[in-house]
Amino acid sequence: MSIMSYDPNLKADRQTETPLDTLRYTDADYEYLCEAVPETLATTAAWRVSRVAFNGSSERFARGGRFACAADSVETVQALFA
């Protein structure tokens, strides 16, 4: 099951306080956080995607934390970590 939510108030960089659009997805084991500049289409490879396990393990970033991923579905973001 995936749950998507939008949080326009999430801050991308806590030092610069640059606001980003966000998408959140979940599956049975992980929460995926996707961040991009405002108004970026989810199908555009311009999102930074991270994953955190519900068991509390550390956060992992796809593609080295670069803003270079699409984020249009839970299946798309899951594949970034396969």
N, C-alpha and C. Protein backbone atom coordinates (compact mmCIF):
# COMPACT_ATOMS: atom_id res chain seq x y z
N MET A 1 0.85 -1.17 0.00
CA MET A 1 0.00 0.00 0.00
C MET A 1 0.89 1.23 0.00
N SER A 2 0.55 2.22 -0.79
CA SER A 2 1.31 3.45 -0.78
C SER A 2 0.42 4.59 -0.36
N ILE A 3 1.02 5.52 0.33
CA ILE A 3 0.31 6.72 0.76
C ILE A 3 1.14 7.89 0.27
N MET A 4 0.52 8.80 -0.44
CA MET A 4 1.24 9.95 -0.94
C MET A 4 0.69 11.18 -0.25
N SER A 5 1.59 12.05 0.17
CA SER A 5 1.15 13.30 0.76
C SER A 5 2.03 14.43 0.24
N TYR A 6 1.54 15.63 0.34
CA TYR A 6 2.23 16.81 -0.15
C TYR A 6 2.46 17.74 1.02
N ASP A 7 3.68 18.20 1.20
CA ASP A 7 4.00 19.10 2.29
C ASP A 7 4.77 20.29 1.74
N PRO A 8 4.11 21.39 1.38
CA PRO A 8 4.80 22.53 0.79
C PRO A 8 5.67 23.29 1.79
N ASN A 9 5.54 22.98 3.07
CA ASN A 9 6.31 23.69 4.08
C ASN A 9 7.61 23.02 4.47
N LEU A 10 7.88 21.82 3.95
CA LEU A 10 9.11 21.13 4.27
C LEU A 10 10.29 21.91 3.70
N LYS A 11 11.32 22.06 4.47
CA LYS A 11 12.48 22.83 4.04
C LYS A 11 13.55 21.89 3.49
N ALA A 12 14.10 22.25 2.34
CA ALA A 12 15.10 21.42 1.68
C ALA A 12 16.42 21.43 2.40
N ASP A 13 16.87 22.58 2.74
CA ASP A 13 18.19 22.73 3.33
C ASP A 13 18.00 23.54 4.60
N ARG A 14 18.23 22.93 5.71
CA ARG A 14 17.95 23.59 6.98
C ARG A 14 18.87 24.78 7.24
N GLN A 15 19.96 24.89 6.50
CA GLN A 15 20.85 26.04 6.65
C GLN A 15 20.35 27.23 5.84
N THR A 16 19.86 26.97 4.63
CA THR A 16 19.42 28.07 3.78
C THR A 16 17.92 28.29 3.85
N GLU A 17 17.19 27.31 4.42
CA GLU A 17 15.73 27.41 4.54
C GLU A 17 15.06 27.60 3.18
N THR A 18 15.58 26.94 2.16
CA THR A 18 14.97 26.98 0.84
C THR A 18 13.78 26.05 0.81
N PRO A 19 12.58 26.56 0.53
CA PRO A 19 11.41 25.67 0.52
C PRO A 19 11.38 24.79 -0.73
N LEU A 20 10.97 23.55 -0.55
CA LEU A 20 10.83 22.60 -1.64
C LEU A 20 9.45 21.97 -1.60
N ASP A 21 8.99 21.53 -2.75
CA ASP A 21 7.79 20.69 -2.78
C ASP A 21 8.21 19.30 -2.36
N THR A 22 7.33 18.58 -1.71
CA THR A 22 7.65 17.23 -1.26
C THR A 22 6.53 16.26 -1.59
N LEU A 23 6.92 15.04 -1.83
CA LEU A 23 6.00 13.91 -1.96
C LEU A 23 6.50 12.85 -0.99
N ARG A 24 5.59 12.17 -0.33
CA ARG A 24 5.95 11.08 0.57
C ARG A 24 5.20 9.82 0.13
N TYR A 25 5.94 8.74 0.09
CA TYR A 25 5.35 7.43 -0.22
C TYR A 25 5.76 6.46 0.88
N THR A 26 4.94 5.46 1.11
CA THR A 26 5.29 4.40 2.05
C THR A 26 4.97 3.05 1.45
N ASP A 27 5.73 2.06 1.90
CA ASP A 27 5.38 0.67 1.62
C ASP A 27 5.45 -0.06 2.96
N ALA A 28 5.48 -1.35 2.96
CA ALA A 28 5.44 -2.11 4.21
C ALA A 28 6.65 -1.87 5.10
N ASP A 29 7.81 -1.51 4.51
CA ASP A 29 9.05 -1.40 5.27
C ASP A 29 9.66 -0.01 5.33
N TYR A 30 9.33 0.87 4.39
CA TYR A 30 10.04 2.14 4.26
C TYR A 30 9.11 3.33 4.07
N GLU A 31 9.64 4.50 4.41
CA GLU A 31 9.04 5.77 4.01
C GLU A 31 10.02 6.41 3.04
N TYR A 32 9.49 6.92 1.94
CA TYR A 32 10.29 7.57 0.91
C TYR A 32 9.93 9.05 0.90
N LEU A 33 10.93 9.91 0.97
CA LEU A 33 10.73 11.35 0.93
C LEU A 33 11.33 11.87 -0.37
N CYS A 34 10.51 12.56 -1.15
CA CYS A 34 10.93 13.09 -2.44
C CYS A 34 10.82 14.62 -2.37
N GLU A 35 11.89 15.32 -2.76
CA GLU A 35 11.93 16.77 -2.67
C GLU A 35 12.38 17.36 -4.00
N ALA A 36 11.78 18.48 -4.39
CA ALA A 36 12.16 19.17 -5.62
C ALA A 36 11.77 20.64 -5.53
N VAL A 37 12.31 21.43 -6.43
CA VAL A 37 11.93 22.84 -6.46
C VAL A 37 10.44 22.93 -6.76
N PRO A 38 9.79 23.98 -6.29
CA PRO A 38 8.34 24.10 -6.48
C PRO A 38 7.92 23.96 -7.94
N GLU A 39 6.77 23.31 -8.12
CA GLU A 39 6.11 23.10 -9.41
C GLU A 39 6.82 22.11 -10.33
N THR A 40 7.75 21.31 -9.81
CA THR A 40 8.39 20.28 -10.61
C THR A 40 7.41 19.13 -10.81
N LEU A 41 7.24 18.68 -12.04
CA LEU A 41 6.38 17.53 -12.31
C LEU A 41 6.99 16.28 -11.70
N ALA A 42 6.17 15.42 -11.14
CA ALA A 42 6.68 14.20 -10.50
C ALA A 42 7.36 13.28 -11.49
N THR A 43 7.02 13.38 -12.76
CA THR A 43 7.62 12.54 -13.78
C THR A 43 8.98 13.06 -14.26
N THR A 44 9.35 14.25 -13.85
CA THR A 44 10.64 14.85 -14.24
C THR A 44 11.75 14.33 -13.34
N ALA A 45 12.87 13.99 -13.95
CA ALA A 45 14.03 13.50 -13.17
C ALA A 45 14.76 14.67 -12.53
N ALA A 46 14.09 15.31 -11.57
CA ALA A 46 14.64 16.47 -10.88
C ALA A 46 14.35 16.43 -9.39
N TRP A 47 14.07 15.25 -8.87
CA TRP A 47 13.72 15.07 -7.47
C TRP A 47 14.88 14.43 -6.71
N ARG A 48 15.04 14.81 -5.45
CA ARG A 48 15.95 14.12 -4.53
C ARG A 48 15.09 13.16 -3.72
N VAL A 49 15.50 11.89 -3.69
CA VAL A 49 14.70 10.86 -3.03
C VAL A 49 15.53 10.20 -1.93
N SER A 50 14.94 10.09 -0.75
CA SER A 50 15.58 9.38 0.35
C SER A 50 14.62 8.32 0.88
N ARG A 51 15.19 7.36 1.61
CA ARG A 51 14.41 6.25 2.15
C ARG A 51 14.85 6.00 3.59
N VAL A 52 13.86 5.81 4.46
CA VAL A 52 14.12 5.48 5.86
C VAL A 52 13.28 4.26 6.22
N ALA A 53 13.91 3.28 6.83
CA ALA A 53 13.18 2.07 7.24
C ALA A 53 12.38 2.38 8.50
N PHE A 54 11.24 1.76 8.62
CA PHE A 54 10.41 1.95 9.80
C PHE A 54 11.06 1.40 11.06
N ASN A 55 12.08 0.53 10.90
CA ASN A 55 12.78 -0.01 12.07
C ASN A 55 13.79 0.98 12.64
N GLY A 56 13.89 2.17 12.04
CA GLY A 56 14.75 3.21 12.58
C GLY A 56 16.14 3.27 12.00
N SER A 57 16.40 2.53 10.94
CA SER A 57 17.75 2.59 10.35
C SER A 57 17.99 3.96 9.73
N SER A 58 19.21 4.22 9.36
CA SER A 58 19.58 5.54 8.86
C SER A 58 18.96 5.83 7.50
N GLU A 59 18.91 7.10 7.18
CA GLU A 59 18.36 7.57 5.91
C GLU A 59 19.36 7.29 4.78
N ARG A 60 18.85 6.77 3.66
CA ARG A 60 19.67 6.54 2.46
C ARG A 60 19.12 7.40 1.34
N PHE A 61 20.02 7.93 0.53
CA PHE A 61 19.63 8.75 -0.60
C PHE A 61 19.87 8.01 -1.91
N ALA A 62 18.94 8.15 -2.84
CA ALA A 62 19.11 7.60 -4.18
C ALA A 62 20.04 8.51 -4.98
N ARG A 63 20.85 7.91 -5.83
CA ARG A 63 21.74 8.63 -6.74
C ARG A 63 22.59 9.67 -6.03
N GLY A 64 23.10 9.29 -4.88
CA GLY A 64 24.02 10.16 -4.14
C GLY A 64 23.41 11.43 -3.61
N GLY A 65 22.10 11.48 -3.50
CA GLY A 65 21.43 12.67 -2.97
C GLY A 65 21.26 13.77 -3.99
N ARG A 66 21.54 13.48 -5.26
CA ARG A 66 21.37 14.48 -6.31
C ARG A 66 19.88 14.63 -6.66
N PHE A 67 19.52 15.78 -7.14
CA PHE A 67 18.17 16.04 -7.63
C PHE A 67 18.09 15.49 -9.05
N ALA A 68 18.00 14.16 -9.18
CA ALA A 68 18.10 13.52 -10.49
C ALA A 68 17.18 12.31 -10.62
N CYS A 69 16.06 12.32 -9.91
CA CYS A 69 15.16 11.17 -9.91
C CYS A 69 13.74 11.61 -10.25
N ALA A 70 12.99 10.71 -10.87
CA ALA A 70 11.54 10.90 -11.02
C ALA A 70 10.88 10.40 -9.73
N ALA A 71 9.70 10.90 -9.43
CA ALA A 71 9.03 10.54 -8.18
C ALA A 71 7.52 10.42 -8.38
N ASP A 72 7.11 9.79 -9.46
CA ASP A 72 5.70 9.76 -9.80
C ASP A 72 4.90 8.63 -9.17
N SER A 73 5.57 7.66 -8.53
CA SER A 73 4.83 6.57 -7.88
C SER A 73 5.73 5.87 -6.87
N VAL A 74 5.11 5.10 -5.99
CA VAL A 74 5.91 4.33 -5.03
C VAL A 74 6.78 3.32 -5.77
N GLU A 75 6.28 2.76 -6.85
CA GLU A 75 7.08 1.80 -7.62
C GLU A 75 8.32 2.45 -8.22
N THR A 76 8.18 3.68 -8.69
CA THR A 76 9.32 4.40 -9.27
C THR A 76 10.39 4.64 -8.22
N VAL A 77 10.00 5.11 -7.04
CA VAL A 77 11.02 5.39 -6.02
C VAL A 77 11.60 4.12 -5.41
N GLN A 78 10.80 3.07 -5.29
CA GLN A 78 11.33 1.79 -4.81
C GLN A 78 12.45 1.30 -5.73
N ALA A 79 12.25 1.42 -7.03
CA ALA A 79 13.23 0.94 -8.01
C ALA A 79 14.57 1.67 -7.89
N LEU A 80 14.58 2.87 -7.37
CA LEU A 80 15.83 3.61 -7.19
C LEU A 80 16.76 2.94 -6.18
N PHE A 81 16.21 2.12 -5.32
CA PHE A 81 16.99 1.47 -4.26
C PHE A 81 17.17 -0.04 -4.51
N ALA A 82 16.76 -0.53 -5.67
CA ALA A 82 16.86 -1.95 -5.99
C ALA A 82 18.30 -2.35 -6.31
